[in-house]
Amino acid sequence: DLVDPLIVIEATSHSDGGDEPWLSRWPLPFPDLDAARAFFESQTVNADVWIDVLEKCDDGYRPEFSAADMRAAAADIESGYDYRREWQSIRCPTLLVGGDRSPIYHEPMKEMASVIPCASYVCVAAAGHDLHLDNPAALRFVVNTFLKH
């Protein structure tokens, strides 16, 4: 009752709970920024954004934030809890948006759109998980189009 309309970008209603958080797989420390860039580009994320959060340390480059804190913040995502029942109760116009190069699977987002009345799913081209950074013009167009209706 408090939200109208709803836009969900790069999220699903459930997790299988089996994946170790992405931050745990970072090969830290990065020996140099070229190695960091190569890793982030292999993960289909905006490398420039993630390189910006690295700082030079005695043993190479590490994130300026605590990976443990980030993993704790993502614990709910990795818990495996299934939010489909909650999603099915949404009654406001809803737009789900994903990036075509995202590591998030498109099928769960399409499934979410199919169980929410007045929902649709749009896939933004030339964008990964950080689609607001990868293709901001396309995202802006999708959002503006949705909000005008």
C-alpha atoms as a PDB file:
ATOM      1  CA  ASP A   1       0.000   0.000   0.000  1.00  0.00           C
ATOM      2  CA  LEU A   2       2.980   2.318   0.438  1.00  0.00           C
ATOM      3  CA  VAL A   3       4.648   1.769  -2.944  1.00  0.00           C
ATOM      4  CA  ASP A   4       3.242   2.643  -6.360  1.00  0.00           C
ATOM      5  CA  PRO A   5       4.875   1.906  -8.768  1.00  0.00           C
ATOM      6  CA  LEU A   6       7.722  -0.505  -8.011  1.00  0.00           C
ATOM      7  CA  ILE A   7      10.928  -0.912 -10.025  1.00  0.00           C
ATOM      8  CA  VAL A   8      13.237  -3.829  -9.214  1.00  0.00           C
ATOM      9  CA  ILE A   9      16.653  -3.875 -10.858  1.00  0.00           C
ATOM     10  CA  GLU A  10      18.791  -7.003 -10.922  1.00  0.00           C
ATOM     11  CA  ALA A  11      17.125  -9.009  -8.162  1.00  0.00           C
ATOM     12  CA  THR A  12      15.247 -12.274  -7.868  1.00  0.00           C
ATOM     13  CA  SER A  13      12.706 -13.562  -5.387  1.00  0.00           C
ATOM     14  CA  HIS A  14      14.862 -16.413  -4.178  1.00  0.00           C
ATOM     15  CA  SER A  15      18.353 -17.813  -3.994  1.00  0.00           C
ATOM     16  CA  ASP A  16      19.412 -21.407  -4.056  1.00  0.00           C
ATOM     17  CA  GLY A  17      21.688 -20.587  -1.146  1.00  0.00           C
ATOM     18  CA  GLY A  18      24.431 -22.716  -2.654  1.00  0.00           C
ATOM     19  CA  ASP A  19      26.744 -20.057  -4.015  1.00  0.00           C
ATOM     20  CA  GLU A  20      29.512 -18.627  -1.912  1.00  0.00           C
ATOM     21  CA  PRO A  21      29.178 -14.837  -1.957  1.00  0.00           C
ATOM     22  CA  TRP A  22      30.946 -13.248  -4.887  1.00  0.00           C
ATOM     23  CA  LEU A  23      33.251 -11.224  -2.648  1.00  0.00           C
ATOM     24  CA  SER A  24      34.641 -14.413  -1.126  1.00  0.00           C
ATOM     25  CA  ARG A  25      35.905 -15.438  -4.554  1.00  0.00           C
ATOM     26  CA  TRP A  26      38.012 -12.329  -5.126  1.00  0.00           C
ATOM     27  CA  PRO A  27      41.661 -13.394  -5.522  1.00  0.00           C
ATOM     28  CA  LEU A  28      42.958 -11.028  -2.851  1.00  0.00           C
ATOM     29  CA  PRO A  29      45.224  -9.302  -2.749  1.00  0.00           C
ATOM     30  CA  PHE A  30      45.299  -8.213  -6.366  1.00  0.00           C
ATOM     31  CA  PRO A  31      48.992  -7.854  -7.249  1.00  0.00           C
ATOM     32  CA  ASP A  32      48.253  -4.792  -9.391  1.00  0.00           C
ATOM     33  CA  LEU A  33      45.369  -2.900 -10.974  1.00  0.00           C
ATOM     34  CA  ASP A  34      45.742  -4.734 -14.288  1.00  0.00           C
ATOM     35  CA  ALA A  35      45.109  -8.038 -12.509  1.00  0.00           C
ATOM     36  CA  ALA A  36      42.113  -6.512 -10.748  1.00  0.00           C
ATOM     37  CA  ARG A  37      40.723  -5.195 -14.044  1.00  0.00           C
ATOM     38  CA  ALA A  38      41.128  -8.593 -15.707  1.00  0.00           C
ATOM     39  CA  PHE A  39      39.294 -10.300 -12.832  1.00  0.00           C
ATOM     40  CA  PHE A  40      36.377  -7.840 -12.793  1.00  0.00           C
ATOM     41  CA  GLU A  41      35.997  -7.920 -16.565  1.00  0.00           C
ATOM     42  CA  SER A  42      35.825 -11.727 -16.408  1.00  0.00           C
ATOM     43  CA  GLN A  43      32.937 -11.329 -13.950  1.00  0.00           C
ATOM     44  CA  THR A  44      30.895  -9.160 -16.362  1.00  0.00           C
ATOM     45  CA  VAL A  45      30.793  -6.239 -13.948  1.00  0.00           C
ATOM     46  CA  ASN A  46      31.868  -2.665 -14.518  1.00  0.00           C
ATOM     47  CA  ALA A  47      35.587  -2.976 -13.780  1.00  0.00           C
ATOM     48  CA  ASP A  48      36.086   0.769 -13.313  1.00  0.00           C
ATOM     49  CA  VAL A  49      33.543   0.880 -10.489  1.00  0.00           C
ATOM     50  CA  TRP A  50      35.196  -1.958  -8.583  1.00  0.00           C
ATOM     51  CA  ILE A  51      38.740  -0.716  -9.200  1.00  0.00           C
ATOM     52  CA  ASP A  52      37.671   2.590  -7.641  1.00  0.00           C
ATOM     53  CA  VAL A  53      37.030   0.808  -4.326  1.00  0.00           C
ATOM     54  CA  LEU A  54      40.503  -0.750  -4.190  1.00  0.00           C
ATOM     55  CA  GLU A  55      43.293   0.748  -2.170  1.00  0.00           C
ATOM     56  CA  LYS A  56      47.026   0.144  -2.266  1.00  0.00           C
ATOM     57  CA  CYS A  57      48.254  -1.955   0.659  1.00  0.00           C
ATOM     58  CA  ASP A  58      51.635  -3.475   1.548  1.00  0.00           C
ATOM     59  CA  ASP A  59      50.788  -6.714  -0.251  1.00  0.00           C
ATOM     60  CA  GLY A  60      48.910  -5.337  -3.292  1.00  0.00           C
ATOM     61  CA  TYR A  61      45.399  -3.976  -3.745  1.00  0.00           C
ATOM     62  CA  ARG A  62      42.451  -4.709  -1.477  1.00  0.00           C
ATOM     63  CA  PRO A  63      38.942  -3.251  -1.188  1.00  0.00           C
ATOM     64  CA  GLU A  64      38.602  -0.209   1.036  1.00  0.00           C
ATOM     65  CA  PHE A  65      35.591  -1.864   2.671  1.00  0.00           C
ATOM     66  CA  SER A  66      35.487  -4.969   4.808  1.00  0.00           C
ATOM     67  CA  ALA A  67      34.626  -8.028   2.724  1.00  0.00           C
ATOM     68  CA  ALA A  68      33.275  -9.660   5.905  1.00  0.00           C
ATOM     69  CA  ASP A  69      30.866  -6.747   6.406  1.00  0.00           C
ATOM     70  CA  MET A  70      29.719  -6.975   2.791  1.00  0.00           C
ATOM     71  CA  ARG A  71      29.199 -10.741   3.104  1.00  0.00           C
ATOM     72  CA  ALA A  72      27.180 -10.212   6.288  1.00  0.00           C
ATOM     73  CA  ALA A  73      25.021  -7.653   4.502  1.00  0.00           C
ATOM     74  CA  ALA A  74      24.409 -10.174   1.707  1.00  0.00           C
ATOM     75  CA  ALA A  75      23.614 -13.053   4.089  1.00  0.00           C
ATOM     76  CA  ASP A  76      19.879 -12.702   3.496  1.00  0.00           C
ATOM     77  CA  ILE A  77      20.423 -13.036  -0.231  1.00  0.00           C
ATOM     78  CA  GLU A  78      22.500 -16.169   0.242  1.00  0.00           C
ATOM     79  CA  SER A  79      20.177 -17.684   2.862  1.00  0.00           C
ATOM     80  CA  GLY A  80      18.107 -19.537   0.308  1.00  0.00           C
ATOM     81  CA  TYR A  81      14.885 -17.991   1.651  1.00  0.00           C
ATOM     82  CA  ASP A  82      12.130 -18.015  -0.948  1.00  0.00           C
ATOM     83  CA  TYR A  83      10.289 -14.696  -1.203  1.00  0.00           C
ATOM     84  CA  ARG A  84       7.886 -15.812  -3.943  1.00  0.00           C
ATOM     85  CA  ARG A  85       4.877 -15.698  -1.623  1.00  0.00           C
ATOM     86  CA  GLU A  86       5.665 -12.091  -0.747  1.00  0.00           C
ATOM     87  CA  TRP A  87       6.163 -11.237  -4.412  1.00  0.00           C
ATOM     88  CA  GLN A  88       2.790 -12.749  -5.295  1.00  0.00           C
ATOM     89  CA  SER A  89       1.112 -10.315  -2.897  1.00  0.00           C
ATOM     90  CA  ILE A  90       2.366  -7.223  -4.767  1.00  0.00           C
ATOM     91  CA  ARG A  91      -0.515  -5.376  -6.405  1.00  0.00           C
ATOM     92  CA  CYS A  92       1.096  -2.182  -7.729  1.00  0.00           C
ATOM     93  CA  PRO A  93       2.507  -1.771 -11.249  1.00  0.00           C
ATOM     94  CA  THR A  94       5.936  -3.398 -11.191  1.00  0.00           C
ATOM     95  CA  LEU A  95       8.879  -3.339 -13.566  1.00  0.00           C
ATOM     96  CA  LEU A  96      11.703  -5.869 -13.272  1.00  0.00           C
ATOM     97  CA  VAL A  97      14.889  -4.951 -15.127  1.00  0.00           C
ATOM     98  CA  GLY A  98      17.947  -7.060 -15.851  1.00  0.00           C
ATOM     99  CA  GLY A  99      21.140  -6.628 -17.825  1.00  0.00           C
ATOM    100  CA  ASP A 100      21.768  -8.970 -20.744  1.00  0.00           C
ATOM    101  CA  ARG A 101      25.322  -9.737 -19.525  1.00  0.00           C
ATOM    102  CA  SER A 102      24.375 -10.053 -15.869  1.00  0.00           C
ATOM    103  CA  PRO A 103      25.329 -13.079 -13.772  1.00  0.00           C
ATOM    104  CA  ILE A 104      21.775 -12.989 -12.386  1.00  0.00           C
ATOM    105  CA  TYR A 105      19.655 -15.439 -14.310  1.00  0.00           C
ATOM    106  CA  HIS A 106      16.856 -13.912 -16.368  1.00  0.00           C
ATOM    107  CA  GLU A 107      14.393 -16.768 -15.878  1.00  0.00           C
ATOM    108  CA  PRO A 108      13.792 -16.085 -12.154  1.00  0.00           C
ATOM    109  CA  MET A 109      13.130 -12.414 -12.941  1.00  0.00           C
ATOM    110  CA  LYS A 110      10.714 -13.391 -15.713  1.00  0.00           C
ATOM    111  CA  GLU A 111       9.035 -15.782 -13.273  1.00  0.00           C
ATOM    112  CA  MET A 112       8.655 -12.958 -10.744  1.00  0.00           C
ATOM    113  CA  ALA A 113       7.041 -10.792 -13.410  1.00  0.00           C
ATOM    114  CA  SER A 114       4.641 -13.596 -14.291  1.00  0.00           C
ATOM    115  CA  VAL A 115       3.297 -13.957 -10.729  1.00  0.00           C
ATOM    116  CA  ILE A 116       2.848 -10.249  -9.997  1.00  0.00           C
ATOM    117  CA  PRO A 117      -0.302  -8.709 -11.457  1.00  0.00           C
ATOM    118  CA  CYS A 118       0.589  -5.667 -13.603  1.00  0.00           C
ATOM    119  CA  ALA A 119       4.269  -6.616 -13.867  1.00  0.00           C
ATOM    120  CA  SER A 120       6.673  -6.768 -16.768  1.00  0.00           C
ATOM    121  CA  TYR A 121      10.303  -7.709 -17.329  1.00  0.00           C
ATOM    122  CA  VAL A 122      12.765  -5.811 -19.528  1.00  0.00           C
ATOM    123  CA  CYS A 123      16.311  -6.865 -20.385  1.00  0.00           C
ATOM    124  CA  VAL A 124      18.697  -3.967 -21.036  1.00  0.00           C
ATOM    125  CA  ALA A 125      21.242  -4.621 -23.779  1.00  0.00           C
ATOM    126  CA  ALA A 126      24.969  -4.073 -23.311  1.00  0.00           C
ATOM    127  CA  ALA A 127      24.707  -4.198 -19.533  1.00  0.00           C
ATOM    128  CA  GLY A 128      25.838  -6.459 -16.736  1.00  0.00           C
ATOM    129  CA  HIS A 129      24.733  -6.475 -13.107  1.00  0.00           C
ATOM    130  CA  ASP A 130      25.694  -2.796 -12.779  1.00  0.00           C
ATOM    131  CA  LEU A 131      23.440  -1.856 -15.666  1.00  0.00           C
ATOM    132  CA  HIS A 132      22.883   1.633 -14.256  1.00  0.00           C
ATOM    133  CA  LEU A 133      26.596   2.179 -14.881  1.00  0.00           C
ATOM    134  CA  ASP A 134      27.021   0.020 -17.994  1.00  0.00           C
ATOM    135  CA  ASN A 135      24.140   1.474 -20.013  1.00  0.00           C
ATOM    136  CA  PRO A 136      22.547   4.366 -18.098  1.00  0.00           C
ATOM    137  CA  ALA A 137      20.816   5.830 -21.166  1.00  0.00           C
ATOM    138  CA  ALA A 138      18.991   2.582 -21.896  1.00  0.00           C
ATOM    139  CA  LEU A 139      18.024   2.126 -18.256  1.00  0.00           C
ATOM    140  CA  ARG A 140      16.772   5.721 -18.074  1.00  0.00           C
ATOM    141  CA  PHE A 141      14.657   5.114 -21.195  1.00  0.00           C
ATOM    142  CA  VAL A 142      13.151   1.903 -19.762  1.00  0.00           C
ATOM    143  CA  VAL A 143      12.374   3.535 -16.412  1.00  0.00           C
ATOM    144  CA  ASN A 144      10.941   6.719 -17.947  1.00  0.00           C
ATOM    145  CA  THR A 145       8.757   4.708 -20.304  1.00  0.00           C
ATOM    146  CA  PHE A 146       7.413   2.660 -17.397  1.00  0.00           C
ATOM    147  CA  LEU A 147       6.760   5.691 -15.212  1.00  0.00           C
ATOM    148  CA  LYS A 148       4.859   7.500 -17.985  1.00  0.00           C
ATOM    149  CA  HIS A 149       2.236   4.742 -18.167  1.00  0.00           C
END
